[in-house]
Amino acid sequence: MEMHGIYVPIVTPFEADGSVALAALDELARSVLAEGATGLVALSTTGESALLTAREKSDVLAVCGRVCRESGAPLIVGAGGSAIESSAHELQRLSGLADAALVPTPPLVRPSLDGVLAHFTYLAERSPVPVIVYDVPHRTGCALDAQTLGANGSLPGVIGVKFAHGVVDAEAVEVLGNPPPGFAVLAGDDAFLSPLLAMGAAGGILASAHLATARFVEFVEAWDKGDLERVRTLGHALAEVSLAAFAEPNPAVIKAVLADHGRIPSASVRRPLLPASGDALARTLAALRALI
């Protein structure tokens, strides 16, 4: 699986009564792929996977899988957690259902970096689908250094990392300067897409790409073509959209905009998340108008 371009970590839309809006999910998934997204990520943090029931997760996976098969697009599925055996079991259940799995470094337990490598070694050996490391320290409490990222990237079956350190740091510089063969670095912090692409990232898994999918796709294509004038203009505008969309806990603002545009039936998120404020929605809508 060669990774490149924009992957949308699809939200899980809810009806007014709190049930999953499967028809809206189908339409939303098809729309972002029609606008040029390379693929979808289902059951991600943006998809509120930690707040869904097992039945709801199964329904979301079924919808996203069907849309991706019919569109000829890859489906990545969020899987795994702190416990290694249950993580392995989740991955094994993805056989025939996903093209790859997005697996976080073990949250809450804060293992050593050698422990993280042991964790991914064990999972990669047992996973029926390729593994993408989700390196998101502000959620897991464990930041991977370049050496550990490189070691994970050299494991058979590990094909990339969603890099979400919240900064462009020395680890990003080092791992992008000398990645293992076949190991793709994908931007995971939307506002830092441009600098990571400049250093060699293959694309991004970006929640704010829900809101302007075609523009994010155009942006990656402009980098590929070396169109620096377009990159600068479009990059600043997209960063403003991303900063506005993440002013409050994700995916509240994303959902508020999608609901405002009539693309999902409600802006509801599952508690303990709360709906976006009016100010956050207004700021994001203004950033989108400026982008257009």
Protein backbone atom coordinates (compact mmCIF):
# COMPACT_ATOMS: atom_id res chain seq x y z
CA MET A 1 0.00 0.00 0.00
CA GLU A 2 1.69 3.17 -1.22
CA MET A 3 0.60 6.14 0.87
CA HIS A 4 0.34 9.61 -0.58
CA GLY A 5 -2.08 12.50 -0.48
CA ILE A 6 -4.94 13.47 1.79
CA TYR A 7 -6.77 10.97 3.96
CA VAL A 8 -9.91 12.14 5.75
CA PRO A 9 -10.50 10.76 9.27
CA ILE A 10 -14.23 10.69 8.83
CA VAL A 11 -16.51 12.01 11.58
CA THR A 12 -19.32 9.87 12.94
CA PRO A 13 -22.47 11.94 12.35
CA PHE A 14 -25.38 11.63 14.78
CA GLU A 15 -29.10 12.09 14.36
CA ALA A 16 -30.94 14.46 16.69
CA ASP A 17 -31.78 11.48 18.94
CA GLY A 18 -28.10 10.56 19.31
CA SER A 19 -28.08 7.52 17.03
CA VAL A 20 -25.46 7.19 14.31
CA ALA A 21 -26.62 8.81 11.07
CA LEU A 22 -25.48 6.09 8.69
CA ALA A 23 -27.04 7.59 5.55
CA ALA A 24 -25.30 10.91 6.25
CA LEU A 25 -22.03 9.06 6.86
CA ASP A 26 -22.38 7.37 3.47
CA GLU A 27 -22.99 10.68 1.70
CA LEU A 28 -20.18 12.46 3.53
CA ALA A 29 -17.69 9.69 2.78
CA ARG A 30 -18.60 9.71 -0.90
CA SER A 31 -18.32 13.50 -1.10
CA VAL A 32 -14.78 13.75 0.28
CA LEU A 33 -13.60 10.96 -2.01
CA ALA A 34 -15.29 12.64 -4.99
CA GLU A 35 -13.33 15.81 -4.16
CA GLY A 36 -10.06 13.94 -4.46
CA ALA A 37 -9.20 12.50 -1.05
CA THR A 38 -6.95 9.47 -1.45
CA GLY A 39 -8.82 7.48 1.19
CA LEU A 40 -10.73 7.42 4.45
CA VAL A 41 -9.81 6.70 8.05
CA ALA A 42 -12.72 5.18 9.97
CA LEU A 43 -13.02 4.86 13.75
CA SER A 44 -10.36 7.47 14.40
CA THR A 45 -10.22 9.95 17.26
CA THR A 46 -12.05 12.39 14.96
CA GLY A 47 -14.69 9.69 14.51
CA GLU A 48 -15.20 9.57 18.31
CA SER A 49 -14.37 5.87 18.26
CA ALA A 50 -13.76 5.75 22.02
CA LEU A 51 -17.36 6.86 22.57
CA LEU A 52 -19.11 4.40 20.22
CA THR A 53 -20.63 1.04 21.11
CA ALA A 54 -19.35 -2.15 19.51
CA ARG A 55 -22.46 -2.28 17.30
CA GLU A 56 -22.02 1.33 16.23
CA LYS A 57 -18.37 0.69 15.34
CA SER A 58 -19.42 -2.28 13.23
CA ASP A 59 -22.04 -0.19 11.42
CA VAL A 60 -19.57 2.66 10.74
CA LEU A 61 -16.98 0.21 9.44
CA ALA A 62 -19.56 -1.41 7.15
CA VAL A 63 -20.57 1.93 5.62
CA CYS A 64 -17.02 3.18 5.13
CA GLY A 65 -15.90 -0.16 3.76
CA ARG A 66 -18.69 -0.22 1.20
CA VAL A 67 -18.03 3.35 0.07
CA CYS A 68 -14.29 2.75 -0.30
CA ARG A 69 -14.78 -0.49 -2.23
CA GLU A 70 -17.21 1.17 -4.62
CA SER A 71 -14.91 4.18 -5.03
CA GLY A 72 -11.71 2.16 -5.36
CA ALA A 73 -10.21 4.03 -2.39
CA PRO A 74 -8.20 2.62 0.52
CA LEU A 75 -9.76 2.35 3.96
CA ILE A 76 -7.64 2.79 7.08
CA VAL A 77 -9.24 1.84 10.40
CA GLY A 78 -8.30 3.03 13.86
CA ALA A 79 -7.53 0.10 16.15
CA GLY A 80 -5.63 -0.78 19.30
CA GLY A 81 -5.05 0.69 22.70
CA SER A 82 -3.05 0.11 25.86
CA ALA A 83 -3.48 -3.66 26.19
CA ILE A 84 -1.40 -5.61 23.72
CA GLU A 85 -3.55 -8.74 23.44
CA SER A 86 -6.82 -6.87 22.92
CA SER A 87 -5.04 -4.65 20.40
CA ALA A 88 -3.87 -7.72 18.49
CA HIS A 89 -7.43 -9.08 18.57
CA GLU A 90 -8.81 -5.82 17.14
CA LEU A 91 -6.29 -5.97 14.32
CA GLN A 92 -7.08 -9.59 13.51
CA ARG A 93 -10.74 -8.69 13.10
CA LEU A 94 -9.84 -6.24 10.31
CA SER A 95 -8.91 -9.03 7.89
CA GLY A 96 -10.84 -8.43 4.67
CA LEU A 97 -12.37 -5.22 6.04
CA ALA A 98 -9.53 -2.68 5.87
CA ASP A 99 -6.44 -1.87 3.84
CA ALA A 100 -4.43 -0.71 6.86
CA ALA A 101 -4.80 0.02 10.57
CA LEU A 102 -3.95 3.24 12.40
CA VAL A 103 -2.58 2.12 15.77
CA PRO A 104 -1.67 4.55 18.56
CA THR A 105 1.31 4.24 20.82
CA PRO A 106 -0.11 2.68 24.01
CA PRO A 107 -2.03 5.44 25.81
CA LEU A 108 -2.14 5.98 29.57
CA VAL A 109 0.54 3.42 30.51
CA ARG A 110 3.47 5.55 29.26
CA PRO A 111 5.87 2.73 28.35
CA SER A 112 9.56 3.23 27.62
CA LEU A 113 10.53 3.70 24.00
CA ASP A 114 11.84 0.13 23.97
CA GLY A 115 8.42 -0.92 25.26
CA VAL A 116 6.72 0.91 22.40
CA LEU A 117 8.95 -0.87 19.90
CA ALA A 118 8.14 -4.23 21.52
CA HIS A 119 4.43 -3.36 21.36
CA PHE A 120 4.51 -2.63 17.63
CA THR A 121 6.77 -5.58 16.89
CA TYR A 122 4.22 -7.90 18.49
CA LEU A 123 1.26 -6.30 16.72
CA ALA A 124 2.89 -6.10 13.29
CA GLU A 125 3.71 -9.81 13.44
CA ARG A 126 0.05 -10.64 14.06
CA SER A 127 -1.81 -8.04 12.02
CA PRO A 128 -3.45 -9.19 8.77
CA VAL A 129 -3.23 -5.61 7.44
CA PRO A 130 -0.37 -3.09 7.29
CA VAL A 131 0.11 -0.95 10.40
CA ILE A 132 0.44 2.84 10.56
CA VAL A 133 1.84 4.15 13.84
CA TYR A 134 -0.21 6.96 15.39
CA ASP A 135 2.30 9.14 17.23
CA VAL A 136 0.17 11.67 19.13
CA PRO A 137 1.87 12.55 22.44
CA HIS A 138 -0.80 14.92 23.77
CA ARG A 139 -3.29 12.02 23.72
CA THR A 140 -0.99 9.17 24.75
CA GLY A 141 1.59 10.82 27.01
CA CYS A 142 4.40 9.19 25.02
CA ALA A 143 6.36 10.99 22.27
CA LEU A 144 8.46 8.85 19.96
CA ASP A 145 11.96 10.00 19.07
CA ALA A 146 13.40 9.64 15.57
CA GLN A 147 15.33 6.49 16.47
CA THR A 148 12.22 4.73 17.74
CA LEU A 149 10.16 5.91 14.77
CA GLY A 150 12.84 4.60 12.44
CA ALA A 151 12.98 1.27 14.25
CA ASN A 152 9.21 0.92 14.07
CA GLY A 153 9.27 1.91 10.41
CA SER A 154 11.77 -0.85 9.68
CA LEU A 155 9.43 -3.54 11.03
CA PRO A 156 7.83 -5.76 8.36
CA GLY A 157 4.23 -4.70 8.02
CA VAL A 158 4.66 -1.14 9.37
CA ILE A 159 4.17 1.25 6.47
CA GLY A 160 3.95 4.71 7.98
CA VAL A 161 3.31 7.11 10.82
CA LYS A 162 0.68 9.72 11.48
CA PHE A 163 3.00 12.32 12.97
CA ALA A 164 1.13 14.56 15.40
CA HIS A 165 3.66 16.08 17.80
CA GLY A 166 1.97 19.48 17.73
CA VAL A 167 5.23 21.09 16.59
CA VAL A 168 7.77 20.74 13.80
CA ASP A 169 10.51 19.38 16.03
CA ALA A 170 13.92 17.77 15.72
CA GLU A 171 12.31 14.33 15.50
CA ALA A 172 10.34 15.39 12.44
CA VAL A 173 13.48 16.79 10.80
CA GLU A 174 15.45 13.61 11.47
CA VAL A 175 12.83 11.03 10.51
CA LEU A 176 11.84 12.90 7.33
CA GLY A 177 15.49 13.32 6.40
CA ASN A 178 16.16 9.59 6.47
CA PRO A 179 13.01 7.46 6.61
CA PRO A 180 13.20 3.67 6.32
CA PRO A 181 12.41 2.37 2.80
CA GLY A 182 8.67 2.20 2.19
CA PHE A 183 7.84 4.16 5.35
CA ALA A 184 5.54 7.15 4.78
CA VAL A 185 5.30 10.11 7.14
CA LEU A 186 1.83 11.65 7.15
CA ALA A 187 1.09 14.97 8.82
CA GLY A 188 -1.30 14.54 11.72
CA ASP A 189 -1.48 18.15 12.90
CA ASP A 190 -3.47 19.98 10.26
CA ALA A 191 -1.84 23.40 10.65
CA PHE A 192 1.64 21.91 10.16
CA LEU A 193 0.89 20.22 6.84
CA SER A 194 2.90 22.71 4.80
CA PRO A 195 6.23 22.52 6.66
CA LEU A 196 6.03 18.74 6.88
CA LEU A 197 5.38 18.47 3.13
CA ALA A 198 8.35 20.76 2.57
CA MET A 199 10.53 18.31 4.49
CA GLY A 200 9.25 15.30 2.57
CA ALA A 201 6.00 14.10 4.14
CA ALA A 202 3.81 12.03 1.83
CA GLY A 203 0.57 13.77 2.75
CA GLY A 204 -1.67 13.99 5.77
CA ILE A 205 -4.51 12.50 7.78
CA LEU A 206 -6.40 15.72 8.41
CA ALA A 207 -9.75 16.33 10.08
CA SER A 208 -10.08 19.84 8.64
CA ALA A 209 -9.92 18.32 5.14
CA HIS A 210 -13.62 17.54 5.64
CA LEU A 211 -14.28 21.23 5.12
CA ALA A 212 -12.26 21.93 1.97
CA THR A 213 -11.18 18.56 0.61
CA ALA A 214 -10.46 19.71 -2.92
CA ARG A 215 -8.32 22.59 -1.68
CA PHE A 216 -6.20 20.31 0.52
CA VAL A 217 -5.75 17.95 -2.42
CA GLU A 218 -4.79 20.88 -4.64
CA PHE A 219 -2.28 21.98 -2.02
CA VAL A 220 -0.48 18.61 -1.97
CA GLU A 221 -0.46 18.58 -5.77
CA ALA A 222 1.05 22.07 -5.81
CA TRP A 223 3.89 20.88 -3.55
CA ASP A 224 4.45 17.88 -5.82
CA LYS A 225 4.68 20.18 -8.84
CA GLY A 226 6.93 22.72 -7.10
CA ASP A 227 4.37 25.52 -7.56
CA LEU A 228 5.67 27.57 -4.64
CA GLU A 229 3.58 30.65 -5.32
CA ARG A 230 0.39 28.60 -5.10
CA VAL A 231 1.74 26.72 -2.09
CA ARG A 232 2.34 29.93 -0.12
CA THR A 233 -1.03 31.48 -0.90
CA LEU A 234 -3.11 28.36 -0.41
CA GLY A 235 -1.05 27.09 2.52
CA HIS A 236 -1.66 30.17 4.67
CA ALA A 237 -5.38 30.09 3.98
CA LEU A 238 -5.67 26.38 4.77
CA ALA A 239 -3.70 26.82 7.98
CA GLU A 240 -6.18 29.48 9.09
CA VAL A 241 -9.04 27.04 8.50
CA SER A 242 -7.24 24.35 10.48
CA LEU A 243 -6.41 26.63 13.39
CA ALA A 244 -10.02 27.75 13.60
CA ALA A 245 -11.34 24.19 13.36
CA PHE A 246 -9.13 23.07 16.25
CA ALA A 247 -9.82 26.01 18.55
CA GLU A 248 -12.03 23.65 20.59
CA PRO A 249 -11.80 19.88 21.15
CA ASN A 250 -12.01 17.94 17.91
CA PRO A 251 -14.39 17.11 16.21
CA ALA A 252 -16.85 19.62 17.68
CA VAL A 253 -16.04 22.51 15.32
CA ILE A 254 -15.75 20.25 12.27
CA LYS A 255 -19.21 18.86 13.00
CA ALA A 256 -20.67 22.31 13.60
CA VAL A 257 -19.49 23.47 10.16
CA LEU A 258 -20.71 20.30 8.45
CA ALA A 259 -24.11 20.70 10.10
CA ASP A 260 -24.22 24.39 9.16
CA HIS A 261 -23.61 23.37 5.54
CA GLY A 262 -26.33 20.71 5.69
CA ARG A 263 -23.91 17.83 5.18
CA ILE A 264 -24.76 16.05 8.44
CA PRO A 265 -28.07 16.17 10.35
CA SER A 266 -26.75 17.63 13.60
CA ALA A 267 -23.62 19.09 15.20
CA SER A 268 -23.93 16.64 18.11
CA VAL A 269 -20.87 15.08 19.73
CA ARG A 270 -20.84 12.43 22.44
CA ARG A 271 -20.22 13.46 26.04
CA PRO A 272 -17.86 14.25 27.64
CA LEU A 273 -17.31 16.27 24.44
CA LEU A 274 -19.49 19.36 24.13
CA PRO A 275 -20.83 21.09 21.01
CA ALA A 276 -18.76 23.88 19.48
CA SER A 277 -19.38 27.44 20.58
CA GLY A 278 -20.93 29.98 18.26
CA ASP A 279 -17.67 31.93 18.20
CA ALA A 280 -15.65 28.92 17.05
CA LEU A 281 -18.16 28.14 14.32
CA ALA A 282 -18.20 31.76 13.12
CA ARG A 283 -14.41 31.95 13.02
CA THR A 284 -14.15 28.74 10.99
CA LEU A 285 -16.85 29.80 8.56
CA ALA A 286 -15.02 33.10 8.06
CA ALA A 287 -11.75 31.27 7.38
CA LEU A 288 -13.53 29.08 4.82
CA ARG A 289 -15.01 32.14 3.09
CA ALA A 290 -11.54 33.68 2.90
CA LEU A 291 -10.18 30.43 1.45
CA ILE A 292 -12.83 30.38 -1.27
